[in-house]
Amino acid sequence: MKPGEKITFPFGKKQMEGTVKKIAGKTVYIVADFPKHKGKIVKRPVFSFEKGKKKSTKAKPKKAE
């Protein structure tokens, strides 16, 4: 994901399309055109756009009896 790239993001119950403005740390700033607010900037976490990467889950150790 790079600035200037078009992406879709969830907003409410539907998907919106916007352009990445900047990426700062773990946050993505997206410029989107809403019906009553053109050029609105929306913040979303980076991990919500990473597909295919699974969160690491550690197996719980079994207790010895």
C-alpha atoms as a PDB file:
ATOM      1  CA  MET A   1       0.000   0.000   0.000  1.00  0.00           C
ATOM      2  CA  LYS A   2       1.429   3.351  -1.088  1.00  0.00           C
ATOM      3  CA  PRO A   3       0.182   6.962  -1.075  1.00  0.00           C
ATOM      4  CA  GLY A   4      -1.950   7.666  -4.138  1.00  0.00           C
ATOM      5  CA  GLU A   5      -3.209   4.073  -4.396  1.00  0.00           C
ATOM      6  CA  LYS A   6      -6.979   3.488  -4.612  1.00  0.00           C
ATOM      7  CA  ILE A   7      -8.408   1.064  -2.054  1.00  0.00           C
ATOM      8  CA  THR A   8     -11.791  -0.023  -0.739  1.00  0.00           C
ATOM      9  CA  PHE A   9     -12.536   0.087   2.964  1.00  0.00           C
ATOM     10  CA  PRO A  10     -15.521  -0.858   5.128  1.00  0.00           C
ATOM     11  CA  PHE A  11     -17.722   2.024   6.227  1.00  0.00           C
ATOM     12  CA  GLY A  12     -20.936   1.181   8.020  1.00  0.00           C
ATOM     13  CA  LYS A  13     -22.604  -1.694   6.212  1.00  0.00           C
ATOM     14  CA  LYS A  14     -21.064  -1.019   2.813  1.00  0.00           C
ATOM     15  CA  GLN A  15     -17.691  -0.706   1.107  1.00  0.00           C
ATOM     16  CA  MET A  16     -16.361   2.738   0.165  1.00  0.00           C
ATOM     17  CA  GLU A  17     -13.552   3.597  -2.220  1.00  0.00           C
ATOM     18  CA  GLY A  18     -10.857   6.113  -1.459  1.00  0.00           C
ATOM     19  CA  THR A  19      -7.273   7.142  -2.108  1.00  0.00           C
ATOM     20  CA  VAL A  20      -4.468   6.615   0.390  1.00  0.00           C
ATOM     21  CA  LYS A  21      -3.194  10.004   1.535  1.00  0.00           C
ATOM     22  CA  LYS A  22      -0.467   8.873   3.931  1.00  0.00           C
ATOM     23  CA  ILE A  23       0.645   6.015   6.129  1.00  0.00           C
ATOM     24  CA  ALA A  24       1.874   6.913   9.591  1.00  0.00           C
ATOM     25  CA  GLY A  25       2.938   4.125  11.926  1.00  0.00           C
ATOM     26  CA  LYS A  26       0.031   1.700  12.158  1.00  0.00           C
ATOM     27  CA  THR A  27      -2.556   4.124  10.720  1.00  0.00           C
ATOM     28  CA  VAL A  28      -3.694   4.739   7.145  1.00  0.00           C
ATOM     29  CA  TYR A  29      -5.265   8.080   6.193  1.00  0.00           C
ATOM     30  CA  ILE A  30      -7.749   7.734   3.314  1.00  0.00           C
ATOM     31  CA  VAL A  31      -9.375  10.558   1.333  1.00  0.00           C
ATOM     32  CA  ALA A  32     -12.925   9.570   0.328  1.00  0.00           C
ATOM     33  CA  ASP A  33     -15.841  11.359  -1.318  1.00  0.00           C
ATOM     34  CA  PHE A  34     -19.034  10.997   0.687  1.00  0.00           C
ATOM     35  CA  PRO A  35     -22.395  12.224  -0.646  1.00  0.00           C
ATOM     36  CA  LYS A  36     -22.492  15.278   1.641  1.00  0.00           C
ATOM     37  CA  HIS A  37     -18.770  15.639   2.401  1.00  0.00           C
ATOM     38  CA  LYS A  38     -16.318  15.589  -0.502  1.00  0.00           C
ATOM     39  CA  GLY A  39     -12.668  14.968   0.390  1.00  0.00           C
ATOM     40  CA  LYS A  40     -13.307  13.556   3.878  1.00  0.00           C
ATOM     41  CA  ILE A  41     -10.245  12.011   5.541  1.00  0.00           C
ATOM     42  CA  VAL A  42     -10.863   8.670   7.240  1.00  0.00           C
ATOM     43  CA  LYS A  43      -8.396   6.900   9.574  1.00  0.00           C
ATOM     44  CA  ARG A  44      -8.121   3.113   9.554  1.00  0.00           C
ATOM     45  CA  PRO A  45      -5.580   0.711  11.095  1.00  0.00           C
ATOM     46  CA  VAL A  46      -3.087  -0.827   8.649  1.00  0.00           C
ATOM     47  CA  PHE A  47      -3.743  -4.380   9.813  1.00  0.00           C
ATOM     48  CA  SER A  48      -7.359  -4.204   8.590  1.00  0.00           C
ATOM     49  CA  PHE A  49      -6.054  -4.025   4.981  1.00  0.00           C
ATOM     50  CA  GLU A  50      -3.464  -6.774   5.234  1.00  0.00           C
ATOM     51  CA  LYS A  51      -4.998  -9.835   3.630  1.00  0.00           C
ATOM     52  CA  GLY A  52      -3.505 -13.270   3.748  1.00  0.00           C
ATOM     53  CA  LYS A  53      -1.547 -12.583   6.893  1.00  0.00           C
ATOM     54  CA  LYS A  54      -2.815 -14.550   9.837  1.00  0.00           C
ATOM     55  CA  LYS A  55      -2.463 -13.484  13.400  1.00  0.00           C
ATOM     56  CA  SER A  56      -0.091 -15.729  15.259  1.00  0.00           C
ATOM     57  CA  THR A  57      -1.871 -17.886  17.737  1.00  0.00           C
ATOM     58  CA  LYS A  58       0.172 -19.595  20.354  1.00  0.00           C
ATOM     59  CA  ALA A  59      -0.861 -23.069  21.386  1.00  0.00           C
ATOM     60  CA  LYS A  60      -1.647 -23.292  25.059  1.00  0.00           C
ATOM     61  CA  PRO A  61       0.687 -25.675  26.844  1.00  0.00           C
ATOM     62  CA  LYS A  62      -1.017 -28.699  28.303  1.00  0.00           C
ATOM     63  CA  LYS A  63      -0.836 -29.122  32.021  1.00  0.00           C
ATOM     64  CA  ALA A  64       0.974 -32.228  33.220  1.00  0.00           C
ATOM     65  CA  GLU A  65      -1.061 -34.232  35.658  1.00  0.00           C
END
